[in-house]
Every structure is written in C-alpha cells, then in structure tokens.
Amino acid sequence: MQKSIIYSVAIIVAVLAAQAAPVIDNTPTRVQTTLNPALPLKGCLVPKDVSRVSSSRWSVDVAGTDREHASYVAVREYLPPLGIRRLRTQAGWARCEKEKGMYDFRWLDQIVFDAAKRNLEVWLETSYGNPIYKGGGGRGLAGGMPTSEEALAAWDKWVRALAKRYKGYVLDWCVWNEPDLRGANSISEIIPFTVRTAEIIKSEIPDARIAACALTWANVEFIRPFCTALKASGKESLFKWIAYHHYNYNPDDGYDAEIAAMRKVVKELTPSLELWQNESGTQSEWCKAGAINNRPWTELKQAKWNLRRYIADLGLGDYTGVFHACDLEYVNSGFHDGLVRYGLIKTAGQADDYRVLKVKMAYYAVQNAVSVFNDALEPLPKDKGGATISGEGRTAFYVFRDRASGSLVPVFWDSSKEPSDLNNVSKVTVSVPARPFKSPVWVDVLTGNVYAIAKENVSVKDGKTIYSSLPCYDSPSFICEEAMIEYAVPEVVKYAHKEAL
C-alpha cells in the first residue's frame, strides 16, 4: 500500500513537471515555408538561450500584467530559450496600492525575482496612475498622470518604495507608457513629471538607466520641446534613452521620415540620449482591437513583419523591443476590448489563466534573429562600410560587422509592401569591399535555413567582392562566412549527402 502511494505521488509529480515544461521545437525543421531560394541547403541555425548569447539591444514585452491583461507565469519557461535577456513590464501603482499607504508587491515580486533566477532582467515602467487618489491619474492606456498635490506626494512615495525594493534587481527603468496618447497629458505636465520621477529613482539607484518616456510614435512635435526642456534644465544626464513605439502596416515605412526627423532633433539637442523602439509588433490573425488591426494577418505575415521591424532598428544602431511575448486580453480596459494576438506565443484568455496553446512561427523567427543579430555584431548605420546592393524595386539594406573577425554581414529584404503569405523571390547583387568569404552562405532568418552560395555567383572587381543572383524576398536574409554562424544539419541533408557519395 505504501509503495502504491509513493508511485502515485511520483506519477503526479512527473505529470506536473511535463505540463510545466515549455513545448519548444528545436529541430532543424521547426519552421517550414514555401520559400525556394534554389540554393543547396546546408542546415539550420541553432537557437541560443540567454546563457549563450548577449543581446543587450533587445527587449521582449511581458507588459499588461499590472492590469492582468497577460500572465508572466504562463509563459516564463519560454523566455530564456528565446535568447532575449531584458523583459519590459509596467509596475502598476494601482495594483500595488489598493488602499492608501498599503503596498502589495507580491505580484510584481513574482516577475522581478523569478526573472533574476532565470538569468533575465526586468525593464520597469513606473506607469500608470492610481484612481484611489483624487487627481491620481488613470490606470491604463491614455490615462492621465497624477496632478493633485496629494496624488503627486503619494506617487513620489510609491516610486521611492519601488526603487528601494528592487535595487540590485532592476537597473533599467522608464517613467510612463505612451504619455502622449490621445492628448491625455500636455507637454507642460509630462516634462516636470518625468524629471521628478527620474530624480527619485536616481536618488535610490544612482546607476539606474532610465528611458524618459515611451512615446506613442516618433512625434517630432513632442520630441523637440521635450528635448529642448531637458537641455535648458540640465536634466539630460538623468536619462539614457528616448523610447518610442512604431506601428505601420508596412514595417519599413517611417524610417526615412518621422524616425529620421526624431533622430536629428535628439542628436541636435540631447546628443547623449539613444533611441529605443521599445514596442512594436503585429498580430498573427485578424483581431478587432489593437494597433494595425482589422487585417488578415497570419503567422507567416507576423513573423516577417516582426523580423523586418527589429532588424531594421538594430541596423540603424538603435535598441529594439518585441511586442509581445504572449497574447493579451483587454477586459474592461476602456480602450481595447478582447483578445489581441501580438504574442510570439499563442495563449488562451484571462478566464483560462492565459494557458499556452502553441508556439507561433514568430517565436522561432525571433530566436533565429537573436542567435545572429546580437552583441557579437555591430551595426554600420552610416555608409554601411562601403557595401552596396542593387536589384529591382525597393530593398531594405543594412550592414553589420562581426566584432571577432571584422567581416561585414549584409542583411536585406524586399521592403516595397507589407508582408505577404507568398514567398516570391527576386534576385539582387551585393557588393562588399573585402576579400571573398572562404565559404559564403545565404541565410533565411525566418526559417533559419542556411544555404551555400555557388562559386560562379562570386566575383572580384576593383577591390570589391560581388555576390550576384542572391535570393531576396519580403523577409530578411543575410550573407556571411559559414564559420561565423552555428547551424545544425537536418537528417534529410545528411541522407542526401550520403546518397550523393
């Protein structure tokens, strides 16, 4: 009888452990599409978890937990394998202080301290307001900042308690999420509020790195007076970043317009500040709510859209943010309503505790991107190291340098339209002012597939190596030296090689 009880307990423990383990496909065929680059397949990129890669310019969202629109606990096992160390979330004053002067940090502790155990770091936004105070501001999107004397004093006290509690755990901070949304706050309110909050954080954590705010979009009409005020007051040193959000149906739209204009203003007025696109992504299916909604999005389109956005950010030398780790459900938010499918992981709704349903194609695509486009590479945003691209249509083209070898890594894609469910390939020519790679490969970031570039497609002229007839489609691909990347060889390739022998 005793043995049967022990066996039963062991079975229950085993079942629970199996349920808790993330269901992630790490095989070389984890992503399959109709893409046919007409090149010999060599293998597939090996994903790298946070213990194997430094990805300091990436972040991934676990925001919305303060309003219970998402669950960190439901997806936490899936975060380390993604390779991104920094998690973004809101601190949620209204969830922490439901009675005046009484703080309950248990829900936030669960995120911050658990993340630390997993070798992850939290980037904490102090937003939003707290309606238990008159003039305490709104609790969510488009909510006003605290304005009354009582509410501001309570805010100061709470921010100080927050900084004290997480000192040694949270180094990166942001003051407020989308303060400019729908005119909820005026510039004259946002500037002093942002400065006072940053000063409190810095008084407790002198080496804190703070984003001044996470703007709804790259709005120069807001940025100019904001940066002018920082410069005039001498408060620029409080901050490291200007963070902004960016949503367009074509993810490549805006870089040459509003983002370039914002960059110019920031460089002119507050040159020590860096840009961080800290929230952008699209959905994996049609949804009635959320940014760039009401579109027939699919998992393939989502994966392509995300890769184009994030690699472009990095290619310009900026920081980038993946929105979102999981799907969200807006319940009585007063802004959005219902499930929105921005997640790399598909989850159920609030009533089902945000249970994981599946890992989406975008998860694997981001895994592939992080395994290569991490701190091992540095972007060349100005002259692209002298590398050029030619071909038909509009092509996005960014160049990175491998810090270890000095080799250039050109990455490119068709940026003429928003992502499609088709994988039509055109041909481009890339010219690099360097010797030919010993073993050049063309890599599709979405699938992670690595292909050999034929010798007849490589030539040298006037001190430049020319790679001709390279495949190009509406998702990022790059060329590099084979030895620079780590890839696995699928069984089908091993079998084909064996048969050829």
Protein backbone atom coordinates (compact mmCIF):
# COMPACT_ATOMS: atom_id res chain seq x y z
CA MET A 1 0.00 0.00 0.00
CA GLN A 2 2.81 2.38 0.91
CA LYS A 3 4.59 1.67 -2.37
CA SER A 4 1.47 2.39 -4.43
CA ILE A 5 1.08 5.75 -2.69
CA ILE A 6 4.71 6.61 -3.43
CA TYR A 7 4.31 5.55 -7.03
CA SER A 8 1.12 7.63 -7.37
CA VAL A 9 2.85 10.72 -6.00
CA ALA A 10 5.78 10.16 -8.34
CA ILE A 11 3.43 9.91 -11.32
CA ILE A 12 1.62 13.11 -10.32
CA VAL A 13 4.93 14.97 -9.92
CA ALA A 14 6.10 13.70 -13.32
CA VAL A 15 2.86 14.79 -14.99
CA LEU A 16 3.01 18.24 -13.42
CA ALA A 17 6.64 18.63 -14.45
CA ALA A 18 5.77 17.65 -18.00
CA GLN A 19 2.93 20.18 -18.05
CA ALA A 20 5.23 22.95 -16.78
CA ALA A 21 8.00 22.27 -19.30
CA PRO A 22 7.91 24.51 -22.36
CA VAL A 23 6.90 22.82 -25.59
CA ILE A 24 9.52 24.23 -27.94
CA ASP A 25 10.65 22.67 -31.20
CA ASN A 26 14.43 22.91 -31.52
CA THR A 27 14.79 20.64 -34.55
CA PRO A 28 16.26 21.98 -37.81
CA THR A 29 12.81 21.78 -39.43
CA ARG A 30 10.96 23.82 -36.79
CA VAL A 31 9.88 26.43 -39.37
CA GLN A 32 8.74 25.37 -42.83
CA THR A 33 7.52 27.65 -45.61
CA THR A 34 7.13 27.51 -49.38
CA LEU A 35 10.31 29.55 -49.90
CA ASN A 36 12.52 28.11 -52.65
CA PRO A 37 15.79 30.05 -52.98
CA ALA A 38 17.14 27.50 -55.48
CA LEU A 39 20.33 27.05 -53.46
CA PRO A 40 21.84 23.92 -51.82
CA LEU A 41 20.60 23.56 -48.23
CA LYS A 42 23.38 23.10 -45.69
CA GLY A 43 21.48 23.24 -42.40
CA CYS A 44 19.52 25.40 -39.98
CA LEU A 45 20.58 27.97 -37.38
CA VAL A 46 20.88 26.68 -33.83
CA PRO A 47 18.85 28.79 -31.37
CA LYS A 48 20.75 30.16 -28.38
CA ASP A 49 19.26 30.76 -24.96
CA VAL A 50 20.23 33.63 -22.63
CA SER A 51 23.15 31.66 -21.21
CA ARG A 52 24.79 31.52 -24.65
CA VAL A 53 24.20 34.93 -26.15
CA SER A 54 24.43 38.58 -25.15
CA SER A 55 21.51 40.52 -26.62
CA SER A 56 21.69 43.84 -24.80
CA ARG A 57 19.87 45.83 -27.52
CA TRP A 58 16.81 43.58 -27.45
CA SER A 59 13.84 43.53 -25.10
CA VAL A 60 10.67 41.46 -25.08
CA ASP A 61 7.35 42.55 -23.63
CA VAL A 62 5.61 40.94 -20.71
CA ALA A 63 3.65 44.16 -20.14
CA GLY A 64 -0.03 44.29 -19.25
CA THR A 65 0.43 42.12 -16.16
CA ASP A 66 -0.29 45.17 -13.96
CA ARG A 67 -3.84 45.21 -15.37
CA GLU A 68 -3.98 41.43 -15.70
CA HIS A 69 -4.20 41.54 -19.49
CA ALA A 70 -1.45 38.89 -19.65
CA SER A 71 0.33 36.41 -17.38
CA TYR A 72 4.07 36.25 -16.83
CA VAL A 73 3.73 32.92 -15.02
CA ALA A 74 2.05 31.29 -18.01
CA VAL A 75 4.99 31.94 -20.35
CA ARG A 76 8.05 32.36 -18.12
CA GLU A 77 9.51 28.98 -19.12
CA TYR A 78 9.54 30.12 -22.75
CA LEU A 79 11.55 33.30 -22.14
CA PRO A 80 15.14 32.09 -21.51
CA PRO A 81 15.20 29.93 -24.70
CA LEU A 82 14.25 32.99 -26.74
CA GLY A 83 17.69 34.49 -26.09
CA ILE A 84 16.47 37.96 -25.03
CA ARG A 85 17.56 38.93 -21.54
CA ARG A 86 15.56 42.12 -20.91
CA LEU A 87 11.83 41.95 -20.12
CA ARG A 88 9.62 45.02 -20.24
CA THR A 89 6.65 45.45 -17.93
CA GLN A 90 4.70 48.09 -16.02
CA ALA A 91 4.98 48.43 -12.23
CA GLY A 92 1.25 49.10 -11.78
CA TRP A 93 0.80 51.61 -8.94
CA ALA A 94 -2.95 50.90 -8.79
CA ARG A 95 -2.37 47.16 -8.40
CA CYS A 96 0.33 47.69 -5.76
CA GLU A 97 -1.56 50.25 -3.68
CA LYS A 98 -5.25 49.42 -3.44
CA GLU A 99 -5.55 51.06 -0.03
CA LYS A 100 -3.82 54.34 0.68
CA GLY A 101 -0.38 53.78 2.15
CA MET A 102 -0.58 49.98 1.89
CA TYR A 103 1.66 48.32 -0.73
CA ASP A 104 1.29 44.77 -2.02
CA PHE A 105 4.26 43.96 -4.25
CA ARG A 106 3.74 40.20 -4.29
CA TRP A 107 2.54 40.02 -7.90
CA LEU A 108 5.46 42.17 -9.08
CA ASP A 109 7.95 40.28 -6.91
CA GLN A 110 6.89 37.16 -8.73
CA ILE A 111 8.08 38.72 -12.00
CA VAL A 112 11.23 40.55 -10.88
CA PHE A 113 12.69 37.90 -8.60
CA ASP A 114 11.69 34.95 -10.79
CA ALA A 115 13.26 36.66 -13.81
CA ALA A 116 16.53 37.07 -11.91
CA LYS A 117 16.57 33.33 -11.17
CA ARG A 118 16.26 32.69 -14.89
CA ASN A 119 19.15 35.00 -15.78
CA LEU A 120 16.69 37.59 -17.11
CA GLU A 121 16.43 41.30 -16.30
CA VAL A 122 13.34 43.46 -15.92
CA TRP A 123 12.95 46.87 -17.53
CA LEU A 124 10.33 48.51 -15.33
CA GLU A 125 7.95 51.30 -16.32
CA THR A 126 6.59 53.17 -13.32
CA SER A 127 3.29 53.87 -15.07
CA TYR A 128 0.28 54.12 -14.55
CA GLY A 129 -1.77 56.31 -12.20
CA ASN A 130 -3.98 55.40 -9.23
CA PRO A 131 -7.69 56.35 -9.05
CA ILE A 132 -7.88 55.88 -5.25
CA TYR A 133 -6.36 59.37 -5.05
CA LYS A 134 -8.27 62.38 -6.29
CA GLY A 135 -6.30 63.61 -9.28
CA GLY A 136 -4.32 60.35 -9.18
CA GLY A 137 -4.46 59.76 -12.92
CA GLY A 138 -5.71 56.83 -14.99
CA ARG A 139 -4.84 53.19 -14.56
CA GLY A 140 -4.21 52.33 -18.20
CA LEU A 141 -3.71 53.45 -21.79
CA ALA A 142 -4.47 57.12 -22.41
CA GLY A 143 -4.75 57.63 -18.67
CA GLY A 144 -3.69 60.96 -17.23
CA MET A 145 -0.71 61.38 -14.93
CA PRO A 146 -1.18 62.30 -11.26
CA THR A 147 -1.84 66.04 -10.92
CA SER A 148 -3.15 66.83 -7.42
CA GLU A 149 -0.81 67.67 -4.55
CA GLU A 150 -1.95 64.61 -2.59
CA ALA A 151 -1.60 62.26 -5.56
CA LEU A 152 1.86 63.55 -6.52
CA ALA A 153 3.08 63.10 -2.94
CA ALA A 154 1.71 59.55 -2.94
CA TRP A 155 3.32 58.90 -6.32
CA ASP A 156 6.70 60.09 -5.05
CA LYS A 157 6.42 57.83 -2.02
CA TRP A 158 5.44 54.81 -4.10
CA VAL A 159 8.22 55.32 -6.68
CA ARG A 160 10.77 55.57 -3.87
CA ALA A 161 9.45 52.37 -2.29
CA LEU A 162 9.61 50.68 -5.70
CA ALA A 163 13.22 51.74 -6.31
CA LYS A 164 14.31 50.67 -2.81
CA ARG A 165 12.64 47.29 -3.15
CA TYR A 166 14.17 46.40 -6.50
CA LYS A 167 17.60 47.97 -6.13
CA GLY A 168 20.10 45.37 -7.26
CA TYR A 169 17.45 43.69 -9.41
CA VAL A 170 16.16 46.42 -11.73
CA LEU A 171 18.69 48.66 -13.45
CA ASP A 172 16.61 49.80 -16.44
CA TRP A 173 13.55 51.99 -15.95
CA CYS A 174 11.01 54.01 -17.90
CA VAL A 175 8.77 56.70 -16.45
CA TRP A 176 5.47 56.41 -18.36
CA ASN A 177 3.97 54.41 -21.19
CA GLU A 178 2.54 56.49 -24.07
CA PRO A 179 2.02 59.74 -22.10
CA ASP A 180 1.14 61.50 -25.37
CA LEU A 181 -1.64 59.10 -26.37
CA ARG A 182 -4.86 60.88 -27.34
CA GLY A 183 -3.73 64.06 -25.64
CA ALA A 184 -4.13 62.56 -22.18
CA ASN A 185 -1.25 64.70 -20.86
CA SER A 186 0.16 68.01 -22.03
CA ILE A 187 3.86 68.55 -22.66
CA SER A 188 3.89 71.04 -19.81
CA GLU A 189 2.69 68.26 -17.48
CA ILE A 190 4.83 65.46 -18.89
CA ILE A 191 8.21 67.21 -18.67
CA PRO A 192 8.29 68.07 -14.93
CA PHE A 193 6.60 64.78 -14.01
CA THR A 194 9.19 62.79 -15.96
CA VAL A 195 12.09 64.66 -14.37
CA ARG A 196 10.78 64.37 -10.80
CA THR A 197 10.24 60.62 -11.21
CA ALA A 198 13.70 60.06 -12.67
CA GLU A 199 15.29 62.04 -9.84
CA ILE A 200 13.62 59.81 -7.23
CA ILE A 201 14.81 56.64 -8.99
CA LYS A 202 18.35 58.02 -9.32
CA SER A 203 18.43 59.03 -5.64
CA GLU A 204 17.93 55.37 -4.70
CA ILE A 205 19.75 53.74 -7.65
CA PRO A 206 22.47 56.16 -8.85
CA ASP A 207 23.47 53.95 -11.79
CA ALA A 208 19.89 53.43 -12.98
CA ARG A 209 19.39 53.68 -16.74
CA ILE A 210 16.16 55.48 -17.50
CA ALA A 211 14.07 56.00 -20.63
CA ALA A 212 12.47 59.42 -20.44
CA CYS A 213 9.18 58.10 -21.76
CA ALA A 214 7.77 55.60 -24.22
CA LEU A 215 6.05 57.75 -26.83
CA THR A 216 3.10 56.54 -28.87
CA TRP A 217 5.02 57.27 -32.07
CA ALA A 218 8.06 59.20 -33.32
CA ASN A 219 6.36 62.56 -32.89
CA VAL A 220 8.80 65.39 -33.59
CA GLU A 221 6.25 67.96 -32.43
CA PHE A 222 6.55 66.41 -28.99
CA ILE A 223 10.24 65.49 -29.07
CA ARG A 224 11.53 68.97 -29.87
CA PRO A 225 10.06 70.83 -26.87
CA PHE A 226 10.78 67.84 -24.64
CA CYS A 227 14.47 67.69 -25.56
CA THR A 228 14.70 71.49 -25.50
CA ALA A 229 13.45 71.49 -21.92
CA LEU A 230 15.90 68.76 -20.89
CA LYS A 231 18.77 70.71 -22.42
CA ALA A 232 17.73 74.02 -20.82
CA SER A 233 17.29 72.48 -17.37
CA GLY A 234 20.49 70.45 -17.49
CA LYS A 235 18.49 67.25 -16.81
CA GLU A 236 19.63 65.30 -19.87
CA SER A 237 22.06 63.25 -17.75
CA LEU A 238 19.13 61.69 -15.85
CA PHE A 239 18.24 59.67 -18.92
CA LYS A 240 19.80 57.16 -21.30
CA TRP A 241 17.03 56.70 -23.86
CA ILE A 242 14.15 58.31 -25.66
CA ALA A 243 11.80 55.36 -26.22
CA TYR A 244 9.04 55.32 -28.80
CA HIS A 245 6.53 52.94 -30.36
CA HIS A 246 6.06 52.35 -34.06
CA TYR A 247 3.18 50.66 -35.85
CA ASN A 248 2.73 50.70 -39.64
CA TYR A 249 1.13 48.15 -41.94
CA ASN A 250 4.43 48.14 -43.83
CA PRO A 251 7.04 47.92 -41.04
CA ASP A 252 9.64 49.68 -43.19
CA ASP A 253 7.59 52.85 -43.57
CA GLY A 254 8.61 55.76 -41.37
CA TYR A 255 12.34 55.19 -41.02
CA ASP A 256 13.20 57.80 -43.64
CA ALA A 257 10.56 60.26 -42.41
CA GLU A 258 9.39 60.73 -38.82
CA ILE A 259 12.05 58.49 -37.23
CA ALA A 260 14.84 60.19 -39.15
CA ALA A 261 13.41 63.58 -38.12
CA MET A 262 13.24 62.49 -34.48
CA ARG A 263 16.81 61.21 -34.61
CA LYS A 264 18.01 64.54 -35.96
CA VAL A 265 16.31 66.51 -33.16
CA VAL A 266 17.59 64.22 -30.41
CA LYS A 267 21.14 64.35 -31.78
CA GLU A 268 20.99 68.13 -32.02
CA LEU A 269 19.52 68.89 -28.59
CA THR A 270 20.32 65.90 -26.35
CA PRO A 271 23.14 64.02 -28.10
CA SER A 272 23.87 61.65 -25.20
CA LEU A 273 20.43 60.03 -25.49
CA GLU A 274 19.90 56.92 -27.60
CA LEU A 275 16.73 55.82 -29.39
CA TRP A 276 14.81 52.74 -28.34
CA GLN A 277 11.93 51.38 -30.36
CA ASN A 278 10.51 49.60 -27.36
CA GLU A 279 7.10 48.42 -28.55
CA SER A 280 6.22 47.16 -31.98
CA GLY A 281 4.74 44.04 -33.48
CA THR A 282 1.73 42.79 -35.34
CA GLN A 283 -0.88 40.12 -34.81
CA SER A 284 -0.93 36.55 -36.05
CA GLU A 285 -4.60 36.59 -37.11
CA TRP A 286 -7.47 39.01 -37.66
CA CYS A 287 -8.41 40.79 -34.45
CA LYS A 288 -10.95 43.54 -33.85
CA ALA A 289 -8.74 45.53 -31.49
CA GLY A 290 -5.12 46.67 -31.19
CA ALA A 291 -2.76 48.68 -33.37
CA ILE A 292 -2.83 47.86 -37.11
CA ASN A 293 -5.80 45.56 -36.52
CA ASN A 294 -8.64 44.57 -38.86
CA ARG A 295 -6.19 42.98 -41.27
CA PRO A 296 -5.99 39.33 -42.41
CA TRP A 297 -2.75 38.73 -40.52
CA THR A 298 -1.31 35.21 -40.40
CA GLU A 299 1.55 33.61 -38.50
CA LEU A 300 3.78 33.90 -41.58
CA LYS A 301 2.98 37.59 -42.07
CA GLN A 302 3.54 38.26 -38.38
CA ALA A 303 6.95 36.58 -38.41
CA LYS A 304 8.05 38.55 -41.48
CA TRP A 305 6.71 41.85 -40.11
CA ASN A 306 8.46 41.39 -36.78
CA LEU A 307 11.81 40.47 -38.30
CA ARG A 308 11.77 43.47 -40.63
CA ARG A 309 11.00 45.86 -37.78
CA TYR A 310 13.52 44.53 -35.27
CA ILE A 311 16.46 44.03 -37.62
CA ALA A 312 15.91 47.48 -39.13
CA ASP A 313 16.02 49.04 -35.64
CA LEU A 314 19.27 47.24 -34.87
CA GLY A 315 20.68 48.09 -38.28
CA LEU A 316 20.24 51.78 -37.51
CA GLY A 317 22.13 51.37 -34.25
CA ASP A 318 19.04 51.64 -32.04
CA TYR A 319 17.58 49.36 -29.38
CA THR A 320 14.53 47.29 -30.28
CA GLY A 321 11.57 45.79 -28.44
CA VAL A 322 9.45 42.74 -29.28
CA PHE A 323 5.74 43.17 -28.64
CA HIS A 324 4.62 40.79 -27.19
CA ALA A 325 5.85 37.57 -25.55
CA CYS A 326 2.27 36.31 -25.36
CA ASP A 327 -1.23 37.23 -26.41
CA LEU A 328 -3.18 39.73 -24.32
CA GLU A 329 -6.82 40.07 -23.39
CA TYR A 330 -8.18 43.52 -22.68
CA VAL A 331 -11.07 43.22 -20.24
CA ASN A 332 -12.93 46.42 -19.26
CA SER A 333 -9.86 48.44 -20.25
CA GLY A 334 -11.82 51.37 -21.63
CA PHE A 335 -9.52 51.34 -24.65
CA HIS A 336 -9.22 47.94 -26.36
CA ASP A 337 -11.61 45.05 -25.95
CA GLY A 338 -10.97 41.32 -26.27
CA LEU A 339 -8.05 39.11 -27.22
CA VAL A 340 -5.26 40.54 -29.31
CA ARG A 341 -2.79 38.14 -30.89
CA TYR A 342 0.53 40.03 -30.81
CA GLY A 343 2.25 37.25 -28.89
CA LEU A 344 5.13 35.09 -30.01
CA ILE A 345 3.22 32.50 -28.00
CA LYS A 346 -0.49 31.88 -28.52
CA THR A 347 -2.35 31.83 -25.22
CA ALA A 348 -5.91 31.44 -24.02
CA GLY A 349 -7.68 34.34 -22.33
CA GLN A 350 -8.00 35.53 -18.78
CA ALA A 351 -10.74 33.05 -17.87
CA ASP A 352 -8.36 30.19 -18.69
CA ASP A 353 -5.35 31.71 -16.87
CA TYR A 354 -3.67 32.59 -20.18
CA ARG A 355 -2.82 28.93 -20.75
CA VAL A 356 -0.24 28.37 -23.51
CA LEU A 357 -1.87 26.98 -26.65
CA LYS A 358 1.10 26.88 -29.02
CA VAL A 359 4.41 28.43 -30.00
CA LYS A 360 4.00 30.61 -33.08
CA MET A 361 6.25 30.88 -36.11
CA ALA A 362 7.29 34.36 -34.94
CA TYR A 363 8.84 32.88 -31.79
CA TYR A 364 11.22 30.75 -33.81
CA ALA A 365 11.90 33.60 -36.23
CA VAL A 366 12.91 35.90 -33.36
CA GLN A 367 15.02 33.07 -31.88
CA ASN A 368 16.86 32.85 -35.19
CA ALA A 369 17.37 36.61 -35.36
CA VAL A 370 18.70 36.87 -31.79
CA SER A 371 21.11 33.97 -32.36
CA VAL A 372 22.89 36.08 -35.00
CA PHE A 373 21.98 39.75 -34.53
CA ASN A 374 23.28 40.15 -31.01
CA ASP A 375 26.24 41.85 -29.35
CA ALA A 376 28.64 39.80 -31.47
CA LEU A 377 27.73 42.16 -34.33
CA GLU A 378 27.95 45.93 -34.53
CA PRO A 379 25.76 47.92 -36.94
CA LEU A 380 27.21 50.21 -39.59
CA PRO A 381 24.33 52.69 -39.98
CA LYS A 382 26.04 55.45 -41.98
CA ASP A 383 27.97 54.36 -45.07
CA LYS A 384 27.32 50.65 -44.47
CA GLY A 385 31.07 50.04 -44.63
CA GLY A 386 31.02 50.72 -48.36
CA ALA A 387 28.76 47.75 -49.09
CA THR A 388 26.02 48.25 -51.69
CA ILE A 389 23.04 46.41 -53.10
CA SER A 390 21.37 46.54 -56.48
CA GLY A 391 18.24 44.95 -57.89
CA GLU A 392 14.67 45.68 -58.79
CA GLY A 393 12.21 47.51 -56.57
CA ARG A 394 12.62 48.88 -53.05
CA THR A 395 15.05 46.95 -50.91
CA ALA A 396 15.90 47.42 -47.24
CA PHE A 397 19.66 47.07 -46.76
CA TYR A 398 21.63 47.11 -43.51
CA VAL A 399 25.18 46.05 -42.79
CA PHE A 400 26.71 44.70 -39.59
CA ARG A 401 30.31 43.93 -38.73
CA ASP A 402 31.33 40.78 -36.89
CA ARG A 403 33.36 42.04 -33.92
CA ALA A 404 35.54 38.92 -33.78
CA SER A 405 36.58 38.64 -37.42
CA GLY A 406 35.83 42.11 -38.79
CA SER A 407 33.76 40.56 -41.59
CA LEU A 408 30.78 42.50 -42.91
CA VAL A 409 27.33 40.92 -42.71
CA PRO A 410 24.86 42.46 -45.19
CA VAL A 411 21.16 41.84 -44.48
CA PHE A 412 18.37 42.71 -46.91
CA TRP A 413 14.74 42.19 -47.91
CA ASP A 414 12.05 43.45 -50.26
CA SER A 415 10.52 46.39 -48.38
CA SER A 416 8.15 47.61 -51.07
CA LYS A 417 4.98 46.25 -49.48
CA GLU A 418 3.62 44.89 -46.23
CA PRO A 419 4.44 41.20 -45.67
CA SER A 420 2.64 38.63 -47.78
CA ASP A 421 1.73 34.97 -47.39
CA LEU A 422 3.61 34.39 -50.63
CA ASN A 423 7.37 33.86 -50.75
CA ASN A 424 8.16 35.13 -54.21
CA VAL A 425 11.89 35.52 -54.81
CA SER A 426 13.70 38.15 -56.88
CA LYS A 427 17.45 38.48 -57.43
CA VAL A 428 19.84 41.09 -56.05
CA THR A 429 23.57 41.75 -56.21
CA VAL A 430 25.55 42.69 -53.12
CA SER A 431 28.98 44.31 -53.34
CA VAL A 432 31.31 44.19 -50.31
CA PRO A 433 34.71 45.99 -50.08
CA ALA A 434 36.51 42.92 -48.76
CA ARG A 435 38.01 39.63 -49.83
CA PRO A 436 35.55 36.86 -50.69
CA PHE A 437 34.26 34.68 -47.87
CA LYS A 438 36.05 31.33 -47.85
CA SER A 439 32.72 29.57 -47.66
CA PRO A 440 29.90 32.06 -48.31
CA VAL A 441 26.36 31.25 -47.22
CA TRP A 442 22.93 32.83 -47.69
CA VAL A 443 20.74 32.58 -44.59
CA ASP A 444 16.97 32.97 -44.39
CA VAL A 445 16.30 34.43 -40.93
CA LEU A 446 12.66 33.32 -40.79
CA THR A 447 13.28 29.58 -41.22
CA GLY A 448 16.89 29.73 -40.07
CA ASN A 449 17.88 27.73 -43.14
CA VAL A 450 21.48 28.08 -44.31
CA TYR A 451 22.30 27.72 -47.99
CA ALA A 452 25.56 27.54 -49.93
CA ILE A 453 26.39 30.31 -52.42
CA ALA A 454 27.83 28.87 -55.63
CA LYS A 455 31.36 29.87 -56.72
CA GLU A 456 30.07 31.15 -60.06
CA ASN A 457 27.99 33.76 -58.16
CA VAL A 458 31.10 35.25 -56.54
CA SER A 459 33.49 37.56 -58.34
CA VAL A 460 36.07 40.22 -57.51
CA LYS A 461 36.35 43.60 -59.19
CA ASP A 462 38.14 46.83 -58.18
CA GLY A 463 38.89 45.54 -54.69
CA LYS A 464 35.28 44.53 -54.04
CA THR A 465 33.67 41.12 -53.83
CA ILE A 466 30.43 40.84 -55.77
CA TYR A 467 27.81 38.29 -54.80
CA SER A 468 25.34 38.06 -57.67
CA SER A 469 21.93 36.45 -58.19
CA LEU A 470 21.20 36.30 -54.46
CA PRO A 471 17.61 35.48 -53.48
CA CYS A 472 15.62 38.35 -51.98
CA TYR A 473 12.02 38.32 -50.75
CA ASP A 474 9.81 40.11 -48.24
CA SER A 475 11.59 38.72 -45.17
CA PRO A 476 15.19 39.30 -44.02
CA SER A 477 18.10 37.22 -45.26
CA PHE A 478 21.82 37.80 -44.99
CA ILE A 479 25.16 36.60 -46.31
CA CYS A 480 28.20 35.79 -44.23
CA GLU A 481 31.14 33.46 -43.73
CA GLU A 482 29.90 29.96 -42.90
CA ALA A 483 32.20 29.70 -39.88
CA MET A 484 30.58 32.77 -38.29
CA ILE A 485 27.29 31.02 -37.58
CA GLU A 486 26.28 27.87 -35.75
CA TYR A 487 23.92 25.57 -37.55
CA ALA A 488 22.66 22.01 -37.40
CA VAL A 489 22.36 19.66 -40.34
CA PRO A 490 18.90 18.09 -40.73
CA GLU A 491 18.63 14.38 -41.39
CA VAL A 492 17.29 14.97 -44.91
CA VAL A 493 20.51 16.80 -45.83
CA LYS A 494 22.66 14.08 -44.23
CA TYR A 495 20.75 11.45 -46.22
CA ALA A 496 21.06 13.38 -49.50
CA HIS A 497 24.81 13.76 -48.95
CA LYS A 498 25.18 10.07 -48.20
CA GLU A 499 23.27 9.15 -51.37
CA ALA A 500 25.46 11.50 -53.43
CA LEU A 501 28.54 9.66 -52.19
